[in-house]
Protein backbone atom coordinates (compact mmCIF):
# COMPACT_ATOMS: atom_id res chain seq x y z
CA UNK A 1 -22.04 -22.68 -2.62
CA UNK A 2 -23.22 -19.09 -2.15
CA UNK A 3 -21.29 -18.86 1.12
CA UNK A 4 -18.07 -19.95 -0.63
CA UNK A 5 -18.37 -17.22 -3.23
CA UNK A 6 -19.17 -14.64 -0.56
CA UNK A 7 -16.07 -15.58 1.44
CA UNK A 8 -13.99 -15.34 -1.73
CA UNK A 9 -15.35 -11.89 -2.53
CA UNK A 10 -14.83 -10.66 1.04
CA UNK A 11 -11.23 -11.91 1.09
CA UNK A 12 -10.41 -10.29 -2.26
CA UNK A 13 -12.08 -7.07 -1.16
CA UNK A 14 -9.96 -7.00 2.03
CA UNK A 15 -6.78 -7.57 0.05
CA UNK A 16 -7.80 -4.90 -2.44
CA UNK A 17 -8.44 -2.41 0.38
CA UNK A 18 -4.98 -3.04 1.81
CA UNK A 19 -3.38 -2.56 -1.60
CA UNK A 20 -5.36 0.67 -2.02
CA UNK A 21 -3.98 2.01 1.27
CA UNK A 22 -0.44 1.56 -0.03
CA UNK A 23 -1.38 3.15 -3.34
CA UNK A 24 -2.90 6.11 -1.49
CA UNK A 25 0.37 6.64 0.37
CA UNK A 26 2.25 6.85 -2.91
CA UNK A 27 -0.39 9.13 -4.47
CA UNK A 28 -0.23 11.60 -1.58
CA UNK A 29 3.56 11.59 -1.71
CA UNK A 30 3.57 12.28 -5.44
CA UNK A 31 0.97 15.05 -5.01
CA UNK A 32 3.01 16.93 -2.40
CA UNK A 33 6.28 16.50 -4.25
CA UNK A 34 4.71 17.67 -7.52
CA UNK A 35 3.25 20.78 -5.90
CA UNK A 36 6.61 21.57 -4.31
CA UNK A 37 8.18 21.53 -7.77
CA UNK A 38 5.46 23.85 -9.07
CA UNK A 39 6.07 26.24 -6.19
CA UNK A 40 9.81 26.38 -6.90
CA UNK A 41 9.14 27.16 -10.57
CA UNK A 42 6.59 29.83 -9.60
CA UNK A 43 8.97 31.38 -7.10
CA UNK A 44 11.86 31.55 -9.53
CA UNK A 45 9.66 33.16 -12.16
CA UNK A 46 8.52 35.97 -9.87
CA UNK A 47 11.94 36.47 -8.29
CA UNK A 48 14.16 36.56 -11.36
CA UNK A 49 11.96 37.25 -14.34
CA UNK A 50 9.37 39.65 -13.02
CA UNK A 51 11.09 42.39 -10.97
CA UNK A 52 7.83 44.21 -10.34
CA UNK A 53 6.58 41.26 -8.32
CA UNK A 54 9.64 40.78 -6.12
CA UNK A 55 7.83 42.08 -3.06
CA UNK A 56 5.31 39.28 -3.42
CA UNK A 57 8.07 36.72 -3.80
CA UNK A 58 9.83 37.96 -0.68
CA UNK A 59 6.78 37.03 1.38
CA UNK A 60 7.77 33.42 0.91
CA UNK A 61 11.05 34.09 2.70
CA UNK A 62 9.39 34.68 6.05
CA UNK A 63 10.17 32.00 8.67
CA UNK A 64 6.54 30.95 9.05
CA UNK A 65 6.02 30.30 5.33
CA UNK A 66 9.38 28.60 4.98
CA UNK A 67 8.57 26.34 7.94
CA UNK A 68 5.20 25.46 6.38
CA UNK A 69 6.84 24.61 3.07
CA UNK A 70 9.42 22.40 4.78
CA UNK A 71 6.62 20.69 6.69
CA UNK A 72 4.77 19.92 3.45
CA UNK A 73 7.93 18.60 1.85
CA UNK A 74 8.54 16.44 4.90
CA UNK A 75 5.00 15.10 4.68
CA UNK A 76 5.56 14.05 1.09
CA UNK A 77 8.09 11.50 2.29
CA UNK A 78 6.39 10.44 5.52
CA UNK A 79 3.29 8.88 3.96
CA UNK A 80 5.19 6.13 2.16
CA UNK A 81 6.16 3.51 4.72
CA UNK A 82 4.74 5.64 7.53
CA UNK A 83 4.24 2.52 9.66
CA UNK A 84 7.89 1.46 9.41
CA UNK A 85 9.99 2.50 12.45
CA UNK A 86 12.44 5.29 11.72
CA UNK A 87 15.44 3.17 12.69
CA UNK A 88 14.75 0.72 9.86
CA UNK A 89 15.92 1.86 6.43
CA UNK A 90 16.76 -1.36 4.61
CA UNK A 91 15.86 -5.03 4.36
CA UNK A 92 17.56 -8.20 3.18
CA UNK A 93 15.44 -10.76 1.33
CA UNK A 94 17.37 -13.98 0.73
CA UNK A 95 16.38 -16.65 -1.77
CA UNK A 96 13.08 -18.25 -0.77
CA UNK A 97 13.03 -21.96 0.11
CA UNK A 98 10.39 -24.23 -1.44
CA UNK A 99 9.45 -27.05 0.92
CA UNK A 100 6.00 -27.62 -0.52
CA UNK A 101 7.01 -30.83 -2.31
CA UNK A 102 4.80 -29.75 -5.22
CA UNK A 103 7.54 -29.92 -7.82
CA UNK A 104 6.40 -26.65 -9.41
CA UNK A 105 9.29 -25.56 -11.66
CA UNK A 106 10.84 -22.20 -10.80
CA UNK A 107 8.45 -21.65 -7.89
CA UNK A 108 11.11 -20.43 -5.44
CA UNK A 109 12.66 -18.15 -8.09
CA UNK A 110 9.35 -16.56 -9.03
CA UNK A 111 8.27 -16.16 -5.42
CA UNK A 112 11.53 -14.44 -4.46
CA UNK A 113 11.65 -12.13 -7.48
CA UNK A 114 7.98 -11.12 -7.07
CA UNK A 115 8.49 -10.39 -3.38
CA UNK A 116 11.55 -8.23 -4.06
CA UNK A 117 9.71 -6.37 -6.84
CA UNK A 118 6.92 -5.47 -4.38
CA UNK A 119 9.41 -4.07 -1.87
CA UNK A 120 11.27 -2.09 -4.52
CA UNK A 121 8.00 -0.67 -5.84
CA UNK A 122 6.79 0.23 -2.34
CA UNK A 123 10.12 1.92 -1.49
CA UNK A 124 9.50 1.85 2.27
CA UNK A 125 12.66 -0.20 2.84
CA UNK A 126 15.67 -0.41 0.53
CA UNK A 127 16.43 -3.98 -0.52
CA UNK A 128 20.07 -4.74 0.17
CA UNK A 129 22.55 -7.44 1.21
CA UNK A 130 22.22 -9.05 4.62
CA UNK A 131 25.55 -7.58 5.77
CA UNK A 132 24.25 -4.02 5.19
CA UNK A 133 20.58 -4.49 6.12
CA UNK A 134 18.68 -3.16 9.14
CA UNK A 135 16.12 -5.95 8.87
CA UNK A 136 15.80 -9.46 7.47
CA UNK A 137 12.93 -11.35 5.83
CA UNK A 138 13.09 -15.14 5.52
CA UNK A 139 10.37 -16.93 3.52
CA UNK A 140 9.65 -20.63 3.14
CA UNK A 141 6.91 -21.97 0.85
CA UNK A 142 5.26 -24.67 2.93
CA UNK A 143 2.51 -25.89 0.60
CA UNK A 144 0.94 -25.46 -2.83
CA UNK A 145 -2.47 -27.07 -3.23
CA UNK A 146 -4.71 -27.48 -6.27
CA UNK A 147 -8.33 -28.19 -5.38
CA UNK A 148 -11.77 -27.82 -7.00
CA UNK A 149 -13.74 -24.69 -6.12
CA UNK A 150 -16.90 -25.04 -8.21
CA UNK A 151 -18.68 -28.29 -8.88
CA UNK A 152 -21.55 -28.39 -11.35
CA UNK A 153 -24.15 -31.08 -11.75
CA UNK A 154 -22.79 -34.58 -12.19
CA UNK A 155 -19.65 -33.83 -10.13
CA UNK A 156 -17.97 -31.98 -13.02
CA UNK A 157 -15.31 -29.62 -11.73
CA UNK A 158 -15.61 -26.31 -13.59
CA UNK A 159 -12.98 -24.33 -11.65
CA UNK A 160 -9.98 -25.03 -9.47
CA UNK A 161 -8.02 -23.08 -6.90
CA UNK A 162 -4.26 -22.86 -6.38
CA UNK A 163 -3.49 -22.03 -2.75
CA UNK A 164 0.02 -21.06 -1.69
CA UNK A 165 1.09 -21.04 1.95
CA UNK A 166 4.36 -19.65 3.27
CA UNK A 167 6.06 -19.34 6.62
CA UNK A 168 7.71 -15.95 7.13
CA UNK A 169 10.14 -14.69 9.76
CA UNK A 170 10.83 -10.96 9.94
CA UNK A 171 13.73 -9.75 12.10
CA UNK A 172 14.85 -6.33 13.26
CA UNK A 173 18.66 -6.38 13.23
CA UNK A 174 19.00 -2.96 14.87
CA UNK A 175 17.05 -3.89 18.01
CA UNK A 176 18.00 -7.55 17.70
CA UNK A 177 14.48 -8.94 17.87
CA UNK A 178 12.00 -10.96 15.83
CA UNK A 179 9.14 -8.71 14.69
CA UNK A 180 6.93 -11.58 13.61
CA UNK A 181 7.06 -15.30 12.88
CA UNK A 182 3.89 -16.38 11.11
CA UNK A 183 2.25 -17.98 8.10
CA UNK A 184 0.64 -16.35 5.07
CA UNK A 185 -1.78 -17.81 2.56
CA UNK A 186 -3.45 -16.68 -0.65
CA UNK A 187 -4.85 -18.16 -3.85
CA UNK A 188 -5.61 -17.90 -7.54
CA UNK A 189 -8.49 -19.56 -9.43
CA UNK A 190 -8.58 -20.99 -12.94
CA UNK A 191 -11.14 -22.59 -15.24
CA UNK A 192 -10.86 -26.34 -15.71
CA UNK A 193 -11.34 -26.16 -19.47
CA UNK A 194 -9.63 -24.86 -22.60
CA UNK A 195 -5.89 -24.29 -22.21
CA UNK A 196 -5.66 -25.67 -18.68
CA UNK A 197 -1.85 -25.53 -18.50
CA UNK A 198 -1.73 -21.80 -19.23
CA UNK A 199 -4.72 -21.12 -16.98
CA UNK A 200 -3.12 -23.00 -14.10
CA UNK A 201 0.16 -21.17 -14.61
CA UNK A 202 -1.66 -17.82 -14.47
CA UNK A 203 -3.42 -18.90 -11.28
CA UNK A 204 -0.08 -19.73 -9.65
CA UNK A 205 1.24 -16.36 -10.76
CA UNK A 206 -1.80 -14.58 -9.31
CA UNK A 207 -1.54 -16.45 -6.00
CA UNK A 208 2.18 -15.64 -5.82
CA UNK A 209 1.51 -11.96 -6.45
CA UNK A 210 -1.17 -11.80 -3.75
CA UNK A 211 0.73 -13.67 -1.04
CA UNK A 212 3.93 -11.69 -1.58
CA UNK A 213 1.93 -8.47 -1.42
CA UNK A 214 0.40 -9.71 1.85
CA UNK A 215 3.93 -10.24 3.18
CA UNK A 216 4.92 -6.70 2.17
CA UNK A 217 1.85 -5.31 3.94
CA UNK A 218 2.73 -7.38 7.00
CA UNK A 219 6.19 -5.81 7.10
CA UNK A 220 5.30 -2.16 6.46
CA UNK A 221 1.95 -2.04 8.29
CA UNK A 222 2.34 -4.41 11.23
CA UNK A 223 3.77 -1.93 13.76
């Protein structure tokens, strides 16, 4: 039983580390962009409102300083989606197909909307129609399982695990090739007591969030 919990912790830690990498990209981008704005305000103040300091302000007009500033500004945009090839700017994400046979209501809808939300939030690739997209992401939910994870004395199941598996095909329309064709899997746990219906629903939601984030990471970091 200890090994099961350790595997669970290691898997969650790995997923958390990957999410942190994406968050760090956004943080660095925001930091550079914010400092650029501060510089512009500072420059304008010295140039137009403090004539005695114009000599200092003119220093910033030298080619070397200007080049450095442009480099920093460029860096602020290069960290987000830095692993995505430069020829890819957009992605089409059609409605996901649910072939799990689980009968979970609204599963395909929720999976698709969550996946699109992740891509919009990440902003590495613009989500657009297939006719205008540089790339294409096709997802099929292949299975949704609900199995016990913790068994206490007397074979009483105290917790259960929802595991979602999906088959994903990612295509590069510009170079006319398939980038990857593989399966993803992730899960969400819930207690087998109290309001089980709500707990199970939350577990499905958590598993959906994790697997769609894994798919995003596969697209933007798999180059």
